[in-house]
Amino acid sequence: MNVLFKLGSLLALFTTVAKIVANMGWISHPVLTWIAANAAFLYGLAVGLAVAGLTRKIVLILLAITGVYIVLKLWGGM
């Protein structure tokens, strides 16, 4: 396994635990509150790291699809 994949997996696990702890009110800390509020961003970052760690081809395909979508959206085709 790649280092980026492991880092993404650990970030997702840490975000999940921190969100549960913050939502249950067991520990009140500003960092946990921030993590709970920005969990979607952190999950996105974790998935991005994991996918980038698995293979770069998937990331390139997703970037190409996104690029085509943006061009069509700007051109008025969609």
C-alpha atoms as a PDB file:
ATOM      1  CA  MET A   1       0.000   0.000   0.000  1.00  0.00           C
ATOM      2  CA  ASN A   2       1.071   3.483  -0.783  1.00  0.00           C
ATOM      3  CA  VAL A   3       1.832   6.109   1.868  1.00  0.00           C
ATOM      4  CA  LEU A   4      -0.841   8.449   0.477  1.00  0.00           C
ATOM      5  CA  PHE A   5      -3.469   5.713   0.736  1.00  0.00           C
ATOM      6  CA  LYS A   6      -2.536   5.027   4.356  1.00  0.00           C
ATOM      7  CA  LEU A   7      -2.546   8.737   5.161  1.00  0.00           C
ATOM      8  CA  GLY A   8      -5.999   9.157   3.607  1.00  0.00           C
ATOM      9  CA  SER A   9      -7.326   6.161   5.532  1.00  0.00           C
ATOM     10  CA  LEU A  10      -5.957   7.476   8.821  1.00  0.00           C
ATOM     11  CA  LEU A  11      -7.407  10.938   8.160  1.00  0.00           C
ATOM     12  CA  ALA A  12     -10.848   9.445   7.515  1.00  0.00           C
ATOM     13  CA  LEU A  13     -10.646   7.350  10.691  1.00  0.00           C
ATOM     14  CA  PHE A  14      -9.459  10.300  12.787  1.00  0.00           C
ATOM     15  CA  THR A  15     -12.196  12.542  11.362  1.00  0.00           C
ATOM     16  CA  THR A  16     -14.869   9.954  12.164  1.00  0.00           C
ATOM     17  CA  VAL A  17     -13.692   9.498  15.754  1.00  0.00           C
ATOM     18  CA  ALA A  18     -13.330  13.247  16.328  1.00  0.00           C
ATOM     19  CA  LYS A  19     -16.797  13.918  14.896  1.00  0.00           C
ATOM     20  CA  ILE A  20     -18.378  11.283  17.151  1.00  0.00           C
ATOM     21  CA  VAL A  21     -16.579  12.635  20.223  1.00  0.00           C
ATOM     22  CA  ALA A  22     -17.546  16.238  19.408  1.00  0.00           C
ATOM     23  CA  ASN A  23     -21.182  15.387  18.662  1.00  0.00           C
ATOM     24  CA  MET A  24     -21.590  13.319  21.823  1.00  0.00           C
ATOM     25  CA  GLY A  25     -20.170  16.150  23.925  1.00  0.00           C
ATOM     26  CA  TRP A  26     -17.670  13.940  25.713  1.00  0.00           C
ATOM     27  CA  ILE A  27     -14.808  16.387  25.198  1.00  0.00           C
ATOM     28  CA  SER A  28     -15.299  20.057  24.443  1.00  0.00           C
ATOM     29  CA  HIS A  29     -12.337  21.425  22.523  1.00  0.00           C
ATOM     30  CA  PRO A  30     -12.172  24.004  19.705  1.00  0.00           C
ATOM     31  CA  VAL A  31     -10.197  21.642  17.454  1.00  0.00           C
ATOM     32  CA  LEU A  32     -12.824  18.900  17.769  1.00  0.00           C
ATOM     33  CA  THR A  33     -15.559  21.425  17.059  1.00  0.00           C
ATOM     34  CA  TRP A  34     -13.717  22.582  13.928  1.00  0.00           C
ATOM     35  CA  ILE A  35     -13.230  18.996  12.761  1.00  0.00           C
ATOM     36  CA  ALA A  36     -16.928  18.229  13.274  1.00  0.00           C
ATOM     37  CA  ALA A  37     -17.926  21.365  11.382  1.00  0.00           C
ATOM     38  CA  ASN A  38     -15.557  20.668   8.475  1.00  0.00           C
ATOM     39  CA  ALA A  39     -15.943  16.891   8.301  1.00  0.00           C
ATOM     40  CA  ALA A  40     -17.100  16.921   4.668  1.00  0.00           C
ATOM     41  CA  PHE A  41     -13.954  18.763   3.590  1.00  0.00           C
ATOM     42  CA  LEU A  42     -11.745  16.392   5.572  1.00  0.00           C
ATOM     43  CA  TYR A  43     -13.500  13.325   4.142  1.00  0.00           C
ATOM     44  CA  GLY A  44     -13.008  14.723   0.654  1.00  0.00           C
ATOM     45  CA  LEU A  45      -9.332  15.276   1.369  1.00  0.00           C
ATOM     46  CA  ALA A  46      -9.014  11.757   2.769  1.00  0.00           C
ATOM     47  CA  VAL A  47     -10.670  10.182  -0.263  1.00  0.00           C
ATOM     48  CA  GLY A  48      -8.504  12.290  -2.571  1.00  0.00           C
ATOM     49  CA  LEU A  49      -5.355  11.137  -0.824  1.00  0.00           C
ATOM     50  CA  ALA A  50      -6.472   7.513  -0.869  1.00  0.00           C
ATOM     51  CA  VAL A  51      -7.356   7.596  -4.571  1.00  0.00           C
ATOM     52  CA  ALA A  52      -4.112   9.355  -5.419  1.00  0.00           C
ATOM     53  CA  GLY A  53      -2.281   6.686  -3.469  1.00  0.00           C
ATOM     54  CA  LEU A  54      -4.002   3.845  -5.298  1.00  0.00           C
ATOM     55  CA  THR A  55      -3.339   4.976  -8.814  1.00  0.00           C
ATOM     56  CA  ARG A  56      -2.694   8.172 -10.638  1.00  0.00           C
ATOM     57  CA  LYS A  57      -4.645   6.995 -13.685  1.00  0.00           C
ATOM     58  CA  ILE A  58      -7.954   7.260 -11.823  1.00  0.00           C
ATOM     59  CA  VAL A  59      -7.140  10.835 -10.810  1.00  0.00           C
ATOM     60  CA  LEU A  60      -6.226  11.730 -14.386  1.00  0.00           C
ATOM     61  CA  ILE A  61      -9.476  10.230 -15.690  1.00  0.00           C
ATOM     62  CA  LEU A  62     -11.510  12.165 -13.099  1.00  0.00           C
ATOM     63  CA  LEU A  63      -9.681  15.378 -13.964  1.00  0.00           C
ATOM     64  CA  ALA A  64     -10.356  14.803 -17.667  1.00  0.00           C
ATOM     65  CA  ILE A  65     -14.066  14.198 -17.024  1.00  0.00           C
ATOM     66  CA  THR A  66     -14.235  17.298 -14.836  1.00  0.00           C
ATOM     67  CA  GLY A  67     -12.452  19.348 -17.488  1.00  0.00           C
ATOM     68  CA  VAL A  68     -14.851  18.212 -20.212  1.00  0.00           C
ATOM     69  CA  TYR A  69     -17.825  18.994 -17.979  1.00  0.00           C
ATOM     70  CA  ILE A  70     -16.527  22.511 -17.237  1.00  0.00           C
ATOM     71  CA  VAL A  71     -15.883  23.214 -20.916  1.00  0.00           C
ATOM     72  CA  LEU A  72     -19.369  22.006 -21.880  1.00  0.00           C
ATOM     73  CA  LYS A  73     -20.927  23.992 -19.049  1.00  0.00           C
ATOM     74  CA  LEU A  74     -19.122  27.180 -20.075  1.00  0.00           C
ATOM     75  CA  TRP A  75     -19.903  26.614 -23.747  1.00  0.00           C
ATOM     76  CA  GLY A  76     -23.576  26.116 -22.941  1.00  0.00           C
ATOM     77  CA  GLY A  77     -23.769  22.542 -24.127  1.00  0.00           C
ATOM     78  CA  MET A  78     -25.240  21.206 -20.887  1.00  0.00           C
END
